[in-house]
Protein backbone atom coordinates (compact mmCIF):
# COMPACT_ATOMS: atom_id res chain seq x y z
CA MET A 1 -186.38 123.89 3.95
CA THR A 2 -186.58 121.34 1.03
CA ALA A 3 -189.72 119.85 0.46
CA GLY A 4 -189.96 115.58 -0.25
CA ARG A 5 -192.32 114.20 -2.48
CA ARG A 6 -194.88 115.92 -3.66
CA ASN A 7 -198.75 114.84 -2.44
CA GLN A 8 -197.24 112.76 -0.04
CA ALA A 9 -197.70 113.52 3.62
CA VAL A 10 -194.57 114.69 5.30
CA THR A 11 -193.64 112.06 8.11
CA GLY A 12 -189.79 112.28 8.19
CA ALA A 13 -187.14 114.96 8.30
CA LEU A 14 -183.81 115.43 8.47
CA ALA A 15 -182.25 118.97 9.38
CA LEU A 16 -178.37 120.24 9.25
CA ALA A 17 -176.37 122.21 12.26
CA ASP A 18 -176.30 124.73 9.90
CA GLY A 19 -179.75 124.77 9.79
CA SER A 20 -180.78 123.43 6.26
CA VAL A 21 -183.48 121.09 6.37
CA PHE A 22 -185.37 118.32 4.30
CA LEU A 23 -188.37 117.09 4.26
CA GLY A 24 -189.61 113.86 3.81
CA GLN A 25 -191.21 110.24 4.47
CA GLY A 26 -189.98 108.48 7.47
CA ALA A 27 -189.12 105.16 7.37
CA GLY A 28 -187.40 102.24 9.40
CA ALA A 29 -187.84 102.96 13.09
CA ALA A 30 -189.71 105.79 14.58
CA GLY A 31 -188.50 108.30 16.88
CA ILE A 32 -184.98 111.19 16.19
CA SER A 33 -181.23 109.92 15.86
CA SER A 34 -178.51 112.78 15.76
CA GLY A 35 -174.74 112.02 14.78
CA GLU A 36 -172.07 112.91 11.51
CA LEU A 37 -173.65 112.66 8.57
CA CYS A 38 -171.49 111.38 5.43
CA PHE A 39 -172.63 109.77 2.59
CA ASN A 40 -171.84 106.74 0.65
CA THR A 41 -171.19 105.60 -2.74
CA ALA A 42 -171.83 102.04 -2.86
CA MET A 43 -174.45 100.71 -4.84
CA THR A 44 -175.30 97.88 -2.29
CA GLY A 45 -174.10 96.41 1.00
CA TYR A 46 -176.63 98.26 2.90
CA GLN A 47 -177.34 96.08 5.54
CA GLU A 48 -173.17 95.43 5.63
CA ILE A 49 -172.44 98.92 5.80
CA LEU A 50 -174.99 100.39 8.61
CA THR A 51 -174.19 98.03 10.49
CA ASP A 52 -170.56 98.20 10.05
CA PRO A 53 -169.37 99.12 13.81
CA SER A 54 -166.85 102.41 12.41
CA TYR A 55 -170.10 104.41 11.73
CA THR A 56 -171.16 104.39 14.92
CA GLY A 57 -172.29 108.36 15.93
CA GLN A 58 -172.98 108.92 11.90
CA VAL A 59 -175.85 109.35 9.92
CA VAL A 60 -175.29 107.54 6.04
CA CYS A 61 -176.93 109.08 3.21
CA PHE A 62 -176.37 106.45 -0.02
CA THR A 63 -175.85 108.62 -3.12
CA PHE A 64 -177.63 105.58 -4.98
CA PRO A 65 -181.15 106.39 -5.24
CA HIS A 66 -182.62 103.02 -4.84
CA ILE A 67 -181.93 100.90 -1.56
CA GLY A 68 -184.00 97.89 -0.25
CA ASN A 69 -184.07 95.17 -3.56
CA VAL A 70 -181.67 93.09 -1.33
CA GLY A 71 -183.62 93.02 1.54
CA ALA A 72 -181.61 91.80 4.88
CA ASN A 73 -180.88 88.78 6.53
CA ALA A 74 -179.05 87.12 9.35
CA ALA A 75 -175.96 86.59 8.05
CA ASP A 76 -174.94 90.16 6.90
CA MET A 77 -174.66 91.30 9.64
CA GLU A 78 -171.06 93.18 10.37
CA THR A 79 -170.93 93.46 14.30
CA ARG A 80 -170.82 90.86 16.24
CA ASN A 81 -171.93 92.98 19.05
CA PRO A 82 -175.50 92.78 20.27
CA ALA A 83 -175.17 96.14 21.75
CA ALA A 84 -174.30 97.46 18.92
CA GLU A 85 -176.36 95.70 16.11
CA ALA A 86 -177.37 98.90 14.00
CA ALA A 87 -174.30 100.81 14.02
CA ALA A 88 -175.02 103.92 12.56
CA CYS A 89 -177.37 105.53 14.17
CA GLY A 90 -179.70 106.38 10.77
CA THR A 91 -179.89 106.45 7.03
CA VAL A 92 -180.79 108.80 4.27
CA LEU A 93 -182.28 107.91 1.02
CA ARG A 94 -183.32 109.61 -2.13
CA ALA A 95 -186.28 107.17 -3.18
CA PRO A 96 -188.67 105.00 -1.41
CA ILE A 97 -187.37 101.73 0.36
CA THR A 98 -188.34 99.08 -2.08
CA LYS A 99 -189.62 95.30 -1.76
CA SER A 100 -186.62 92.87 -1.00
CA ALA A 101 -186.07 90.55 -4.46
CA ASN A 102 -183.19 88.48 -3.50
CA TRP A 103 -183.13 84.87 -2.65
CA ARG A 104 -180.94 85.57 0.27
CA ALA A 105 -183.16 87.54 1.80
CA GLU A 106 -184.81 86.82 5.33
CA THR A 107 -186.98 89.80 5.86
CA ASP A 108 -187.78 93.45 3.65
CA PHE A 109 -185.30 96.14 4.43
CA ASP A 110 -187.89 98.69 5.76
CA VAL A 111 -188.59 96.07 8.53
CA TRP A 112 -184.94 95.57 9.56
CA LEU A 113 -184.74 99.19 9.95
CA ALA A 114 -187.60 99.27 12.17
CA ARG A 115 -186.20 96.06 14.00
CA ARG A 116 -182.44 97.69 14.75
CA GLY A 117 -183.74 100.97 15.91
CA VAL A 118 -182.68 103.05 12.50
CA VAL A 119 -184.39 105.68 11.88
CA ALA A 120 -184.78 106.73 8.77
CA VAL A 121 -186.21 109.57 6.27
CA THR A 122 -187.11 108.88 2.41
CA GLY A 123 -187.78 111.26 -0.61
CA VAL A 124 -184.39 113.63 0.82
CA ASP A 125 -182.44 115.31 -2.63
CA THR A 126 -179.80 113.07 -2.16
CA ARG A 127 -177.91 114.70 -4.73
CA ALA A 128 -177.55 118.39 -2.86
CA LEU A 129 -176.42 116.63 -0.05
CA THR A 130 -174.04 114.83 -1.29
CA ARG A 131 -172.71 118.73 -3.15
CA ARG A 132 -173.07 120.09 0.69
CA ILE A 133 -170.54 117.62 1.74
CA ARG A 134 -167.98 117.38 -0.73
CA GLU A 135 -168.03 121.16 -0.45
CA HIS A 136 -168.21 121.99 2.71
CA GLY A 137 -167.27 119.09 4.87
CA MET A 138 -169.24 116.24 7.12
CA ILE A 139 -171.63 117.98 9.00
CA ASN A 140 -173.64 116.75 12.31
CA CYS A 141 -177.40 116.32 11.59
CA ALA A 142 -180.99 115.04 13.39
CA VAL A 143 -183.17 112.80 11.34
CA ALA A 144 -186.81 112.43 12.33
CA HIS A 145 -189.31 110.04 11.89
CA ASP A 146 -192.79 109.92 12.88
CA PRO A 147 -195.72 108.34 11.20
CA ASP A 148 -198.08 111.20 12.48
CA GLY A 149 -196.13 113.61 10.78
CA LYS A 150 -195.96 115.87 14.36
CA ILE A 151 -192.20 116.95 13.90
CA ASP A 152 -190.79 119.84 15.71
CA ILE A 153 -188.69 121.19 13.17
CA ASP A 154 -186.77 123.98 15.52
CA ALA A 155 -186.16 121.10 18.17
CA LEU A 156 -185.03 118.84 15.29
CA VAL A 157 -181.94 121.39 14.56
CA GLU A 158 -181.13 122.49 17.60
CA LYS A 159 -180.74 118.61 18.56
CA ALA A 160 -178.13 118.73 15.10
CA LYS A 161 -176.55 121.84 16.82
CA SER A 162 -175.90 120.45 20.19
CA GLN A 163 -174.12 117.25 18.50
CA PRO A 164 -170.57 116.64 19.42
CA SER A 165 -167.80 116.94 17.17
CA MET A 166 -166.20 113.87 16.00
CA GLU A 167 -162.86 115.08 16.91
CA GLY A 168 -162.06 113.89 20.37
CA ARG A 169 -164.15 111.41 20.62
CA ASP A 170 -163.26 107.85 21.68
CA LEU A 171 -166.41 105.52 20.22
CA ALA A 172 -164.60 102.22 20.29
CA ALA A 173 -165.19 101.33 23.29
CA GLU A 174 -168.84 101.25 22.59
CA VAL A 175 -169.15 98.66 19.91
CA ALA A 176 -166.17 96.46 21.03
CA THR A 177 -166.92 93.13 22.72
CA THR A 178 -166.31 93.22 26.43
CA GLN A 179 -165.67 89.36 26.30
CA THR A 180 -162.88 86.81 24.70
CA TYR A 181 -163.99 84.64 21.85
CA SER A 182 -162.69 82.56 19.41
CA HIS A 183 -163.88 83.00 15.29
CA ALA A 184 -162.88 80.15 12.93
CA GLN A 185 -164.92 80.38 9.91
CA GLY A 186 -163.88 81.39 6.20
CA ARG A 187 -165.80 83.80 3.98
CA TRP A 188 -168.97 82.49 2.08
CA ASP A 189 -168.76 80.08 -0.65
CA TRP A 190 -171.85 78.78 -2.89
CA PRO A 191 -173.39 76.91 -2.08
CA ASP A 192 -171.94 75.86 1.02
CA GLY A 193 -172.10 79.29 2.71
CA PHE A 194 -169.72 80.38 5.24
CA PRO A 195 -167.10 77.18 5.86
CA ASP A 196 -165.82 76.08 8.82
CA VAL A 197 -161.98 76.57 9.32
CA GLU A 198 -160.62 72.90 9.65
CA ASN A 199 -157.33 72.53 10.84
CA PRO A 200 -156.36 76.09 11.37
CA LYS A 201 -152.24 76.57 10.09
CA PHE A 202 -152.61 80.04 11.96
CA GLU A 203 -153.81 81.07 15.34
CA VAL A 204 -154.69 84.83 15.19
CA VAL A 205 -154.76 87.44 18.13
CA VAL A 206 -157.46 89.97 17.01
CA LEU A 207 -157.49 93.33 19.12
CA ASP A 208 -161.00 94.43 18.96
CA TYR A 209 -161.97 97.80 18.21
CA GLY A 210 -164.90 97.41 16.50
CA VAL A 211 -164.47 94.34 14.06
CA LYS A 212 -166.34 93.44 11.11
CA THR A 213 -167.27 89.86 10.92
CA ASN A 214 -166.10 89.76 7.31
CA LEU A 215 -162.57 90.89 8.63
CA LEU A 216 -162.56 87.62 11.10
CA ARG A 217 -164.02 85.16 7.98
CA SER A 218 -161.19 86.84 5.53
CA LEU A 219 -158.76 85.64 7.93
CA GLY A 220 -160.13 81.93 8.06
CA ALA A 221 -160.00 81.89 4.49
CA VAL A 222 -156.35 81.94 5.08
CA GLY A 223 -156.43 79.18 7.53
CA ALA A 224 -156.55 81.43 10.61
CA ARG A 225 -158.92 80.90 13.60
CA CYS A 226 -158.69 83.86 15.50
CA THR A 227 -159.04 84.56 19.19
CA VAL A 228 -160.92 88.18 19.71
CA LEU A 229 -159.83 90.24 22.90
CA PRO A 230 -161.56 93.30 24.23
CA MET A 231 -160.40 96.57 24.46
CA GLY A 232 -157.66 96.88 27.33
CA ALA A 233 -155.97 93.89 26.67
CA THR A 234 -152.09 94.81 27.24
CA ALA A 235 -149.25 92.95 25.38
CA GLU A 236 -147.94 90.34 27.44
CA GLU A 237 -151.36 89.10 27.65
CA VAL A 238 -151.38 89.10 23.92
CA LEU A 239 -148.45 87.60 23.63
CA ALA A 240 -148.67 84.95 26.16
CA ARG A 241 -151.26 83.46 23.89
CA ASN A 242 -148.14 82.54 21.48
CA PRO A 243 -149.81 84.32 18.60
CA ASP A 244 -148.78 83.73 15.03
CA GLY A 245 -149.71 87.05 14.71
CA VAL A 246 -151.80 89.88 15.61
CA LEU A 247 -154.73 92.38 13.97
CA LEU A 248 -155.64 95.24 14.97
CA ALA A 249 -159.25 95.81 13.71
CA ASN A 250 -161.35 98.43 12.41
CA GLY A 251 -163.73 100.85 14.54
CA PRO A 252 -165.24 104.35 15.06
CA GLY A 253 -164.08 107.45 16.28
CA ASP A 254 -160.79 109.39 16.48
CA PRO A 255 -157.96 107.54 16.42
CA ALA A 256 -155.95 109.97 18.38
CA GLU A 257 -158.20 109.63 21.30
CA THR A 258 -158.64 105.89 21.42
CA ALA A 259 -154.66 105.56 21.11
CA LYS A 260 -154.55 107.24 24.30
CA ALA A 261 -155.06 104.11 25.86
CA GLU A 262 -154.09 101.62 23.38
CA GLY A 263 -150.73 102.96 21.99
CA ALA A 264 -148.37 101.80 24.00
CA THR A 265 -150.02 98.28 23.70
CA ILE A 266 -149.48 98.91 20.06
CA ARG A 267 -146.17 99.65 20.06
CA ALA A 268 -144.93 96.64 22.15
CA LEU A 269 -146.55 94.59 19.97
CA ALA A 270 -144.69 96.05 17.11
CA ASP A 271 -141.50 95.50 18.52
CA SER A 272 -142.16 92.09 19.72
CA GLY A 273 -141.28 90.69 16.35
CA THR A 274 -144.90 89.27 15.95
CA PRO A 275 -146.09 90.12 12.74
CA VAL A 276 -148.85 92.55 13.20
CA PHE A 277 -151.60 93.96 10.36
CA GLY A 278 -153.99 96.83 11.10
CA VAL A 279 -156.96 97.90 9.43
CA CYS A 280 -158.63 101.19 9.24
CA LEU A 281 -158.51 102.64 12.75
CA GLY A 282 -155.92 99.72 13.56
CA HIS A 283 -153.87 101.23 10.83
CA GLN A 284 -154.12 105.07 11.93
CA MET A 285 -153.78 104.10 15.65
CA LEU A 286 -150.58 102.10 14.27
CA ALA A 287 -149.47 105.40 12.92
CA LEU A 288 -150.11 107.11 15.85
CA SER A 289 -148.55 104.23 18.08
CA LEU A 290 -144.89 104.38 15.74
CA GLY A 291 -144.59 108.18 16.18
CA GLY A 292 -146.82 109.91 13.18
CA LYS A 293 -150.12 111.78 13.53
CA THR A 294 -153.69 111.61 12.24
CA LYS A 295 -155.77 114.37 11.20
CA LYS A 296 -159.70 115.12 10.55
CA MET A 297 -160.79 114.69 7.02
CA PRO A 298 -163.12 117.14 5.16
CA HIS A 299 -165.51 114.37 3.94
CA GLY A 300 -163.92 111.07 4.11
CA HIS A 301 -163.97 108.29 2.39
CA HIS A 302 -166.94 106.15 2.02
CA GLY A 303 -167.77 103.63 -0.82
CA ALA A 304 -166.94 100.41 -2.53
CA ASN A 305 -164.97 102.11 -5.48
CA HIS A 306 -162.41 104.09 -4.01
CA PRO A 307 -158.84 103.57 -6.57
CA VAL A 308 -156.24 102.90 -4.27
CA LYS A 309 -152.05 102.59 -5.79
CA ASP A 310 -149.77 99.80 -3.60
CA LEU A 311 -146.38 101.49 -4.39
CA GLU A 312 -144.97 98.81 -4.14
CA THR A 313 -146.31 96.44 -6.82
CA GLY A 314 -147.50 99.76 -8.83
CA LYS A 315 -150.85 97.61 -8.83
CA VAL A 316 -154.05 99.92 -8.88
CA GLU A 317 -156.90 98.21 -7.09
CA ILE A 318 -160.82 99.31 -5.94
CA VAL A 319 -161.55 99.28 -2.46
CA SER A 320 -164.09 99.66 0.01
CA MET A 321 -163.80 102.61 2.53
CA ASN A 322 -165.10 103.79 5.85
CA HIS A 323 -163.55 106.67 7.75
CA GLY A 324 -163.20 110.24 8.91
CA PHE A 325 -159.80 110.63 9.85
CA THR A 326 -156.40 109.98 7.95
CA VAL A 327 -152.97 109.50 8.91
CA ASP A 328 -150.42 112.47 8.00
CA ALA A 329 -147.93 110.85 5.41
CA ASP A 330 -145.70 113.85 6.44
CA SER A 331 -145.23 112.80 9.93
CA LEU A 332 -144.29 109.40 9.40
CA PRO A 333 -141.07 109.09 10.99
CA GLU A 334 -138.22 107.65 9.88
CA GLY A 335 -138.05 103.59 9.18
CA LEU A 336 -142.14 103.52 8.30
CA VAL A 337 -142.62 103.93 5.06
CA GLN A 338 -146.02 104.82 2.86
CA THR A 339 -147.08 102.15 0.94
CA HIS A 340 -150.51 102.67 -0.62
CA VAL A 341 -152.12 106.20 -1.55
CA SER A 342 -155.87 107.06 -2.48
CA LEU A 343 -155.80 107.91 -6.39
CA PHE A 344 -158.78 110.23 -5.62
CA ASP A 345 -156.80 112.85 -3.27
CA GLY A 346 -153.79 111.32 -2.50
CA THR A 347 -154.10 110.69 1.38
CA ASN A 348 -152.26 107.84 3.24
CA CYS A 349 -153.73 104.55 2.71
CA GLY A 350 -151.08 102.26 3.94
CA ILE A 351 -147.35 101.71 5.98
CA ALA A 352 -145.13 99.24 6.96
CA LEU A 353 -142.05 98.95 9.27
CA LYS A 354 -138.90 98.48 7.27
CA ASP A 355 -137.01 96.12 9.81
CA ARG A 356 -140.20 94.44 11.22
CA PRO A 357 -143.54 92.36 9.69
CA VAL A 358 -145.95 94.90 10.78
CA PHE A 359 -147.80 97.03 8.12
CA SER A 360 -151.31 98.49 7.83
CA VAL A 361 -153.74 99.38 5.37
CA GLN A 362 -156.34 102.58 5.92
CA HIS A 363 -159.31 100.69 3.34
CA HIS A 364 -161.26 97.38 4.20
CA PRO A 365 -159.54 94.41 2.72
CA GLU A 366 -162.23 92.81 3.37
CA ALA A 367 -165.19 94.62 1.81
CA SER A 368 -168.30 93.58 2.11
CA PRO A 369 -169.82 95.31 0.26
CA GLY A 370 -167.40 95.91 -2.00
CA PRO A 371 -164.78 94.12 -4.33
CA ALA A 372 -161.99 92.09 -3.42
CA ASP A 373 -158.95 93.53 -5.12
CA SER A 374 -157.47 93.58 -1.94
CA PHE A 375 -157.78 90.62 -0.36
CA TYR A 376 -154.16 90.10 -1.01
CA LEU A 377 -153.46 91.73 2.00
CA PHE A 378 -154.34 88.80 3.79
CA GLU A 379 -152.70 86.64 1.92
CA ARG A 380 -149.63 88.26 2.40
CA PHE A 381 -149.98 88.71 6.31
CA ALA A 382 -149.99 84.71 6.10
CA GLU A 383 -147.00 84.85 4.49
CA LEU A 384 -145.81 87.01 7.43
CA MET A 385 -146.89 84.63 9.53
CA GLU A 386 -145.24 81.13 7.74
CA GLN A 387 -141.76 83.33 7.82
CA ALA A 388 -142.01 83.86 11.38
CA LYS A 389 -142.94 80.33 12.11
CA ALA A 390 -139.87 78.67 10.32
CA LYS A 391 -137.67 81.26 11.73
CA ALA A 392 -139.07 80.31 14.67
CA LYS A 393 -138.15 76.54 14.59
CA ALA A 394 -134.71 77.03 12.86
């Protein structure tokens, strides 16, 4: 059992499934939450991280010790589903949450956490936690916050032990939209904010597995108007809209489980000749639908500073990542080539079909948070759509 800050009452605790307990001070919502513990190396963008639907079922430990000065605002919500406004179920922090000191802040981060039902614990040795995850892999956990300090440690440990494994879980259905909607907005631009897409050049259908708002905005930045469809949409329903392109969105959970229902649709879309672009979970399910395999990673990739190499151009880009599963590069069938690799561990970060306008990446080209090194992928998608439109007219 590890104590939090000295001379302060214990009002929060983190228990791991191996029986380890970290005591600290509670923050955010009062209560108990459990999930898979992962660490994220981003220094900012914590609101975007905690509302990224890909974090559903996970508790985020931030390696950067000082969290809160940016505050929170309505524009930086990444989820479009009101039922999943706080996708991550908890967070673990080193230092007390600081007051907001940013001109875009509408509320303090601690207040925002409480409103969104996110349980947090501060005063925890996050370096020790990160080492534990790095050396032994992600582990299930439970976090508790009780303002009166009445925390049943034994029950908290049992809660962590009873949390189901991420493997075999289809979580996309919990965060994906249930209704079709349109989106035509670009990326944030000073001083006007998020511009509307006027006279869109492309019509893109987005298959939603937990899409981030800034993924849609990045499509808008290259002139696309998006129609977002719920999970379960068939290839016939997608193609009946005569889209210029199809985006397979990001999302949470085990891709092999979600692909059981979505794989046939994705495979038919890849065979249709319509340009297809996959991101994160969409990337993994594209690989699965075309004959590849995925596997669970020991500690995954979570952060905004990951180096990835584009094997076609030789360019190295720093990217945002959030995934606990990876495509097995050795499993890729003939005709499906690897296009990007992680320079941290050599895992697959991109694939493309040789004979069709179909490609995908493991990382997040929309970032949010993170650098914009990979924005060219949206431009590449736009080029493929331009070529397909020209071919159709010929």
